[in-house]
Amino acid sequence: MVFVYTTLHMFGRVAQDVRPYADSVPEWAQSHWFYLLFSLVVTSIILLSAYGFYLYNRSFTRERLNNQEKVIDKRMAHANETTELVREANEELAWTNETLQSTNESLNVANETLSWTNNQLSDANIALERRTAELRRALENNKEILGVTAHDLKNPLGGIIGLSDMLIEDLASLKSDENKKEALENLRMIRDSAEGMLAAVTSLLDRHREGLPIKLNREEADLNVIVRIVMNWNSRQASNKGIEMHFKPASRPAKVLVDVSAMQRILDNLISNAVKYSPLGKQVWVEVVAMKQEVVVSVRDEGPGLTDEDKQKVFGKMSRLSARPTGGEHSTGLGLYIVKKLTEEHGGAVGVESVYGKGATFWVKVPLVVERVEYLQGSGSA
């Protein structure tokens, strides 16, 4: 109604505007019914135009909505497909995770087994290394025993040969009781040398068989007597080289508690070395000094002496010194090593004093057990 009223009002104003020209307009065109009819026609045209525009707009809007729905449907379908793919991917990932967990568990079991195997191998390697070390030590002990045996047999055998030569000479010129006495004395020394050699070999073989260190069979003995016996063993060798040996015993019995065979080996090494390394026609001095609590046996020669380097290794195993034997004798490098080892096992000490070119003095010091006991008793009674 508002629209019709507005239209009529507009046409009324138009009529007023064209009223001056009304005389040229037909009468029927100036009636109110014409105005009304004209207004209705114009209004209908406007309404039809508006309705057409409405229909067009609704159709366009519907088509646009349909297109949007199609796009949305496509997107929803794509989203659904994507969701399905994601779900399938998640299922595959879950399966993969389960497989990985199972694999990890298997790897953990394998690692534990490998760790256990490594521990077993490590223990086996340790045991093998320990056994190898024991075998090496046993091999070294065997080498040492072989060297010591060869060294310790050499001097007594040389003494037996020398004494045998002397005995042969004495028997060839056997004419008086003096010759008989000397021959018997040489026979006794041969027996003593053989017994000493047999004792040394037996001791070394027992030690090797049982795998034990040297066991000393201690007994009371006089070092004066032991030194004299050993000097007799080396007298033939010294005589062959024109070497004069001097012996100065202790002023009283040098009673000690020692393994006699081992002590003979100690002294034999020192005295035979003095003879071996002394030039022809020189002298060797052997002295025994008994003090309050110990006995010192010294062997002095006129050989080449020792250099400072020699003094550093003189008692080492298989040591080679600058001096060489003067009569073609053989040297193993074990003699002084044996001296030091056996002396220390007796609770004693060994040493050397030398000026190069002026000879050397080797000394061995062992406890004087008997006198120490008497000394302690005397101190207690006081």
Protein backbone atom coordinates (compact mmCIF):
# COMPACT_ATOMS: atom_id res chain seq x y z
CA MET A 1 0.00 0.00 0.00
CA VAL A 2 2.82 2.31 0.79
CA PHE A 3 4.28 1.55 -2.63
CA VAL A 4 0.89 2.33 -4.37
CA TYR A 5 0.43 5.50 -2.38
CA THR A 6 3.93 6.60 -3.20
CA THR A 7 3.35 5.87 -6.86
CA LEU A 8 0.10 7.82 -6.94
CA HIS A 9 1.69 10.70 -5.16
CA MET A 10 4.53 10.72 -7.65
CA PHE A 11 2.13 10.69 -10.56
CA GLY A 12 0.10 13.50 -8.90
CA ARG A 13 3.13 15.66 -8.82
CA VAL A 14 3.88 14.76 -12.42
CA ALA A 15 0.33 15.78 -13.31
CA GLN A 16 0.75 19.11 -11.62
CA ASP A 17 4.00 19.61 -13.48
CA VAL A 18 2.40 18.86 -16.83
CA ARG A 19 -0.86 20.69 -16.03
CA PRO A 20 0.16 23.72 -18.10
CA TYR A 21 0.30 21.36 -21.09
CA ALA A 22 -3.08 19.72 -20.31
CA ASP A 23 -4.90 21.48 -23.14
CA SER A 24 -2.95 19.41 -25.65
CA VAL A 25 -3.73 16.10 -23.82
CA PRO A 26 -6.91 14.20 -24.56
CA GLU A 27 -9.66 14.38 -21.99
CA TRP A 28 -9.65 10.71 -21.26
CA ALA A 29 -5.95 10.93 -20.41
CA GLN A 30 -6.76 13.51 -17.78
CA SER A 31 -9.21 11.42 -15.83
CA HIS A 32 -8.47 9.87 -12.42
CA TRP A 33 -9.16 6.38 -13.71
CA PHE A 34 -6.48 6.77 -16.29
CA TYR A 35 -4.09 7.81 -13.61
CA LEU A 36 -5.12 4.88 -11.51
CA LEU A 37 -4.84 2.48 -14.39
CA PHE A 38 -1.53 3.92 -15.47
CA SER A 39 -0.26 3.65 -11.91
CA LEU A 40 -1.38 0.05 -11.71
CA VAL A 41 0.35 -0.77 -14.96
CA VAL A 42 3.54 0.90 -13.91
CA THR A 43 3.31 -0.72 -10.50
CA SER A 44 2.74 -4.13 -12.09
CA ILE A 45 5.70 -3.63 -14.35
CA ILE A 46 7.84 -2.69 -11.36
CA LEU A 47 6.52 -5.59 -9.29
CA LEU A 48 7.03 -8.01 -12.14
CA SER A 49 10.55 -6.68 -12.62
CA ALA A 50 11.25 -7.03 -8.91
CA TYR A 51 9.76 -10.53 -8.88
CA GLY A 52 11.82 -11.47 -11.93
CA PHE A 53 14.92 -10.10 -10.27
CA TYR A 54 13.97 -12.06 -7.14
CA LEU A 55 13.54 -15.25 -9.12
CA TYR A 56 16.81 -14.68 -10.96
CA ASN A 57 18.60 -13.90 -7.74
CA ARG A 58 17.10 -16.98 -6.02
CA SER A 59 18.08 -19.18 -8.95
CA PHE A 60 21.59 -17.74 -8.96
CA THR A 61 21.83 -18.12 -5.20
CA ARG A 62 20.54 -21.70 -5.35
CA GLU A 63 23.00 -22.55 -8.12
CA ARG A 64 25.78 -20.96 -6.12
CA LEU A 65 24.71 -22.90 -3.03
CA ASN A 66 24.57 -26.07 -5.08
CA ASN A 67 28.07 -25.40 -6.36
CA GLN A 68 29.26 -24.72 -2.82
CA GLU A 69 27.57 -27.91 -1.64
CA LYS A 70 29.30 -29.82 -4.41
CA VAL A 71 32.64 -28.28 -3.41
CA ILE A 72 31.90 -29.06 0.20
CA ASP A 73 30.90 -32.61 -0.72
CA LYS A 74 34.08 -33.04 -2.71
CA ARG A 75 36.09 -31.66 0.15
CA MET A 76 34.25 -33.87 2.63
CA ALA A 77 34.88 -36.86 0.37
CA HIS A 78 38.54 -35.90 0.10
CA ALA A 79 38.65 -35.38 3.86
CA ASN A 80 37.03 -38.78 4.37
CA GLU A 81 39.53 -40.36 2.00
CA THR A 82 42.34 -38.59 3.82
CA THR A 83 40.92 -39.72 7.16
CA GLU A 84 40.73 -43.28 5.89
CA LEU A 85 44.31 -43.07 4.65
CA VAL A 86 45.38 -41.63 8.00
CA ARG A 87 43.53 -44.40 9.80
CA GLU A 88 45.18 -47.03 7.61
CA ALA A 89 48.55 -45.31 8.14
CA ASN A 90 47.91 -45.30 11.90
CA GLU A 91 47.08 -49.00 11.78
CA GLU A 92 50.29 -49.64 9.84
CA LEU A 93 52.22 -47.51 12.33
CA ALA A 94 50.65 -49.41 15.22
CA TRP A 95 51.61 -52.69 13.55
CA THR A 96 55.08 -51.33 12.89
CA ASN A 97 55.39 -50.22 16.52
CA GLU A 98 54.35 -53.67 17.69
CA THR A 99 56.90 -55.20 15.32
CA LEU A 100 59.57 -52.79 16.56
CA GLN A 101 58.73 -53.57 20.18
CA SER A 102 58.95 -57.27 19.43
CA THR A 103 62.24 -56.68 17.60
CA ASN A 104 63.54 -54.58 20.50
CA GLU A 105 62.65 -57.33 22.93
CA SER A 106 64.45 -59.83 20.72
CA LEU A 107 67.44 -57.49 20.51
CA ASN A 108 67.43 -57.07 24.29
CA VAL A 109 67.45 -60.83 24.71
CA ALA A 110 70.21 -61.09 22.09
CA ASN A 111 72.18 -58.32 23.86
CA GLU A 112 71.82 -60.07 27.19
CA THR A 113 72.96 -63.32 25.60
CA LEU A 114 75.85 -61.53 23.90
CA SER A 115 76.78 -59.80 27.16
CA TRP A 116 76.75 -63.12 28.98
CA THR A 117 78.83 -64.66 26.19
CA ASN A 118 81.26 -61.73 26.36
CA ASN A 119 81.56 -62.16 30.11
CA GLN A 120 82.25 -65.85 29.63
CA LEU A 121 84.83 -65.06 26.95
CA SER A 122 86.37 -62.40 29.17
CA ASP A 123 86.63 -64.88 32.04
CA ALA A 124 88.05 -67.45 29.65
CA ASN A 125 90.58 -64.91 28.34
CA ILE A 126 91.58 -63.99 31.89
CA ALA A 127 91.99 -67.66 32.75
CA LEU A 128 93.91 -68.21 29.51
CA GLU A 129 96.18 -65.22 30.21
CA ARG A 130 96.73 -66.47 33.74
CA ARG A 131 97.55 -69.93 32.47
CA THR A 132 99.80 -68.48 29.77
CA ALA A 133 101.62 -66.42 32.41
CA GLU A 134 102.00 -69.53 34.55
CA LEU A 135 103.38 -71.45 31.57
CA ARG A 136 105.77 -68.61 30.81
CA ARG A 137 106.93 -68.56 34.42
CA ALA A 138 107.31 -72.34 34.32
CA LEU A 139 109.30 -72.04 31.09
CA GLU A 140 111.49 -69.35 32.63
CA ASN A 141 111.96 -71.52 35.72
CA ASN A 142 112.88 -74.46 33.52
CA LYS A 143 115.39 -72.33 31.64
CA GLU A 144 116.80 -71.06 34.92
CA ILE A 145 117.00 -74.54 36.40
CA LEU A 146 118.69 -75.82 33.26
CA GLY A 147 121.19 -72.97 33.32
CA VAL A 148 121.85 -73.29 37.03
CA THR A 149 122.23 -77.06 36.73
CA ALA A 150 124.68 -76.74 33.84
CA HIS A 151 126.60 -74.05 35.69
CA ASP A 152 126.71 -75.94 38.98
CA LEU A 153 127.79 -79.16 37.30
CA LYS A 154 130.58 -77.47 35.40
CA ASN A 155 132.82 -76.57 38.32
CA PRO A 156 132.54 -79.89 40.23
CA LEU A 157 133.17 -81.81 37.04
CA GLY A 158 136.21 -79.68 36.36
CA GLY A 159 137.38 -80.34 39.90
CA ILE A 160 136.85 -84.09 39.50
CA ILE A 161 138.81 -84.10 36.26
CA GLY A 162 141.64 -82.12 37.85
CA LEU A 163 141.74 -84.31 40.93
CA SER A 164 141.63 -87.41 38.74
CA ASP A 165 144.66 -86.15 36.83
CA MET A 166 146.45 -85.54 40.11
CA LEU A 167 145.48 -88.99 41.33
CA ILE A 168 146.76 -90.59 38.14
CA GLU A 169 150.06 -88.79 38.56
CA ASP A 170 150.26 -89.78 42.23
CA LEU A 171 149.50 -93.42 41.49
CA ALA A 172 152.06 -93.45 38.67
CA SER A 173 154.75 -92.31 41.13
CA LEU A 174 153.47 -94.28 44.11
CA LYS A 175 156.61 -95.14 46.06
CA SER A 176 156.13 -94.00 49.65
CA ASP A 177 153.53 -93.58 52.34
CA GLU A 178 153.44 -89.87 51.57
CA ASN A 179 152.33 -90.63 48.02
CA LYS A 180 149.65 -92.99 49.34
CA LYS A 181 148.38 -90.36 51.77
CA GLU A 182 148.18 -87.74 49.04
CA ALA A 183 146.40 -90.16 46.71
CA LEU A 184 143.85 -91.00 49.40
CA GLU A 185 143.28 -87.30 50.04
CA ASN A 186 142.66 -86.73 46.35
CA LEU A 187 140.24 -89.65 46.29
CA ARG A 188 138.34 -88.11 49.21
CA MET A 189 138.14 -84.77 47.39
CA ILE A 190 136.87 -86.55 44.27
CA ARG A 191 134.19 -88.20 46.36
CA ASP A 192 133.28 -84.90 48.02
CA SER A 193 133.04 -83.19 44.64
CA ALA A 194 130.85 -85.96 43.26
CA GLU A 195 128.62 -85.90 46.34
CA GLY A 196 128.28 -82.12 46.11
CA MET A 197 127.40 -82.37 42.44
CA LEU A 198 124.86 -85.14 43.12
CA ALA A 199 123.27 -83.12 45.94
CA ALA A 200 122.97 -80.06 43.73
CA VAL A 201 121.38 -82.02 40.89
CA THR A 202 118.99 -83.82 43.26
CA SER A 203 117.93 -80.53 44.87
CA LEU A 204 117.33 -78.88 41.53
CA LEU A 205 115.37 -81.84 40.17
CA ASP A 206 113.22 -82.02 43.31
CA ARG A 207 112.53 -78.31 43.08
CA HIS A 208 111.62 -78.62 39.39
CA ARG A 209 109.37 -81.64 39.93
CA GLU A 210 107.45 -80.16 42.88
CA GLY A 211 107.34 -76.60 41.52
CA LEU A 212 108.65 -75.27 44.82
CA PRO A 213 111.32 -72.69 45.65
CA ILE A 214 114.69 -73.79 46.90
CA LYS A 215 114.41 -75.52 50.27
CA LEU A 216 117.52 -75.11 52.38
CA ASN A 217 118.60 -78.07 54.50
CA ARG A 218 120.30 -76.10 57.25
CA GLU A 219 122.88 -77.64 59.52
CA GLU A 220 125.63 -76.34 61.72
CA ALA A 221 128.95 -75.99 59.90
CA ASP A 222 132.25 -74.17 60.12
CA LEU A 223 132.83 -71.80 57.22
CA ASN A 224 136.61 -72.26 57.63
CA VAL A 225 136.20 -75.93 56.68
CA ILE A 226 133.80 -75.21 53.81
CA VAL A 227 136.14 -72.60 52.32
CA ARG A 228 139.12 -74.96 52.57
CA ILE A 229 137.21 -77.72 50.74
CA VAL A 230 136.15 -75.39 47.94
CA MET A 231 139.69 -74.06 47.56
CA ASN A 232 140.90 -77.63 47.13
CA TRP A 233 138.33 -78.08 44.36
CA ASN A 234 139.88 -75.13 42.49
CA SER A 235 143.53 -75.82 43.30
CA ARG A 236 144.16 -77.79 40.12
CA GLN A 237 142.75 -75.05 37.88
CA ALA A 238 144.77 -72.42 39.74
CA SER A 239 147.94 -74.54 39.46
CA ASN A 240 147.44 -74.94 35.72
CA LYS A 241 147.42 -71.13 35.36
CA GLY A 242 150.29 -70.56 37.78
CA ILE A 243 147.97 -68.76 40.21
CA GLU A 244 148.87 -68.95 43.90
CA MET A 245 145.92 -69.09 46.30
CA HIS A 246 146.18 -67.84 49.90
CA PHE A 247 143.73 -68.69 52.65
CA LYS A 248 143.34 -66.81 55.92
CA PRO A 249 140.78 -68.55 58.15
CA ALA A 250 138.97 -66.92 61.05
CA SER A 251 140.82 -66.91 64.35
CA ARG A 252 138.04 -69.02 65.88
CA PRO A 253 135.50 -71.49 64.50
CA ALA A 254 133.01 -69.67 62.26
CA LYS A 255 129.97 -71.75 63.21
CA VAL A 256 126.89 -70.96 61.15
CA LEU A 257 123.55 -72.62 60.38
CA VAL A 258 123.59 -73.08 56.60
CA ASP A 259 122.83 -75.46 53.76
CA VAL A 260 126.35 -76.81 53.25
CA SER A 261 125.79 -77.73 49.59
CA ALA A 262 124.37 -74.28 48.82
CA MET A 263 127.19 -72.53 50.69
CA GLN A 264 129.74 -74.59 48.74
CA ARG A 265 128.09 -73.44 45.53
CA ILE A 266 128.28 -69.80 46.68
CA LEU A 267 131.96 -69.98 47.56
CA ASP A 268 132.86 -72.13 44.55
CA ASN A 269 131.40 -69.51 42.21
CA LEU A 270 133.41 -66.71 43.84
CA ILE A 271 136.72 -68.61 44.05
CA SER A 272 136.47 -70.20 40.60
CA ASN A 273 135.66 -66.76 39.12
CA ALA A 274 138.73 -65.28 40.80
CA VAL A 275 140.87 -68.00 39.21
CA LYS A 276 139.02 -67.84 35.88
CA TYR A 277 139.42 -64.06 35.37
CA SER A 278 142.96 -63.68 36.84
CA PRO A 279 145.90 -63.52 34.43
CA LEU A 280 148.55 -66.21 34.57
CA GLY A 281 150.93 -66.09 37.52
CA LYS A 282 148.74 -63.83 39.72
CA GLN A 283 147.47 -64.39 43.25
CA VAL A 284 144.08 -64.93 44.91
CA TRP A 285 143.35 -64.25 48.59
CA VAL A 286 140.45 -65.83 50.50
CA GLU A 287 139.72 -64.62 54.03
CA VAL A 288 137.14 -65.56 56.66
CA VAL A 289 136.33 -63.03 59.39
CA ALA A 290 134.03 -64.00 62.28
CA MET A 291 132.37 -61.05 63.98
CA LYS A 292 129.85 -60.92 66.80
CA GLN A 293 126.72 -61.66 64.77
CA GLU A 294 127.93 -62.54 61.28
CA VAL A 295 130.71 -64.10 59.22
CA VAL A 296 132.24 -62.41 56.19
CA VAL A 297 134.05 -64.37 53.50
CA SER A 298 135.99 -62.24 51.00
CA VAL A 299 137.70 -63.30 47.78
CA ARG A 300 140.24 -60.87 46.32
CA ASP A 301 141.96 -61.27 42.93
CA GLU A 302 144.41 -59.42 40.69
CA GLY A 303 142.22 -59.54 37.62
CA PRO A 304 141.03 -56.67 35.39
CA GLY A 305 138.51 -55.39 37.92
CA LEU A 306 135.05 -53.99 37.18
CA THR A 307 133.92 -50.87 35.35
CA ASP A 308 131.14 -48.67 36.76
CA GLU A 309 128.77 -50.24 34.24
CA ASP A 310 129.84 -53.71 35.35
CA LYS A 311 129.08 -52.87 38.98
CA GLN A 312 125.49 -51.97 38.07
CA LYS A 313 124.74 -55.41 36.62
CA VAL A 314 127.33 -57.69 38.18
CA PHE A 315 124.77 -59.75 40.12
CA GLY A 316 122.13 -59.75 37.38
CA LYS A 317 120.83 -62.80 35.61
CA MET A 318 122.75 -63.76 32.43
CA SER A 319 124.87 -60.63 32.78
CA ARG A 320 127.86 -60.23 30.49
CA LEU A 321 130.67 -58.16 32.00
CA SER A 322 133.57 -56.48 30.27
CA ALA A 323 136.14 -58.96 31.70
CA ARG A 324 136.76 -62.25 29.88
CA PRO A 325 138.23 -65.56 31.16
CA THR A 326 142.00 -65.65 30.73
CA GLY A 327 142.47 -69.39 30.16
CA GLY A 328 139.77 -70.15 27.59
CA GLU A 329 137.24 -71.09 30.28
CA HIS A 330 133.52 -70.98 29.56
CA SER A 331 131.21 -68.39 31.17
CA THR A 332 127.40 -68.60 31.40
CA GLY A 333 126.69 -65.31 33.19
CA LEU A 334 124.77 -67.14 35.96
CA GLY A 335 127.44 -67.60 38.63
CA LEU A 336 127.10 -64.31 40.52
CA TYR A 337 123.30 -64.36 40.10
CA ILE A 338 123.28 -67.74 41.87
CA VAL A 339 125.60 -66.35 44.57
CA LYS A 340 123.27 -63.44 45.31
CA LYS A 341 120.12 -65.55 45.28
CA LEU A 342 121.44 -68.30 47.56
CA THR A 343 123.05 -65.79 49.93
CA GLU A 344 119.82 -63.84 50.33
CA GLU A 345 117.92 -67.08 50.97
CA HIS A 346 120.33 -67.63 53.88
CA GLY A 347 119.42 -64.18 55.20
CA GLY A 348 122.77 -62.76 54.18
CA ALA A 349 124.15 -60.21 51.74
CA VAL A 350 126.69 -60.05 48.94
CA GLY A 351 128.73 -57.20 47.50
CA VAL A 352 131.81 -56.19 45.53
CA GLU A 353 134.55 -53.58 45.76
CA SER A 354 136.68 -52.87 42.73
CA VAL A 355 138.82 -50.29 41.00
CA TYR A 356 138.98 -50.92 37.28
CA GLY A 357 142.38 -52.35 36.33
CA LYS A 358 143.29 -53.22 39.93
CA GLY A 359 141.35 -56.39 40.66
CA ALA A 360 138.15 -56.97 42.60
CA THR A 361 137.06 -58.15 46.04
CA PHE A 362 133.79 -60.04 46.34
CA TRP A 363 132.37 -60.65 49.80
CA VAL A 364 129.59 -62.72 51.27
CA LYS A 365 128.05 -62.03 54.67
CA VAL A 366 125.89 -64.62 56.53
CA PRO A 367 124.51 -64.62 60.08
CA LEU A 368 126.66 -66.20 62.75
CA VAL A 369 123.75 -67.99 64.39
CA VAL A 370 125.62 -69.72 67.21
CA GLU A 371 127.46 -66.63 68.39
CA ARG A 372 124.32 -64.52 68.12
CA VAL A 373 122.49 -66.93 70.42
CA GLU A 374 125.34 -66.86 72.93
CA TYR A 375 125.46 -63.08 72.69
CA LEU A 376 121.72 -62.78 73.34
CA GLN A 377 121.95 -65.18 76.26
CA GLY A 378 124.80 -63.20 77.70
CA SER A 379 122.77 -60.00 77.35
CA GLY A 380 119.80 -61.65 79.07
CA SER A 381 121.85 -62.85 82.03
CA ALA A 382 123.32 -59.43 82.45
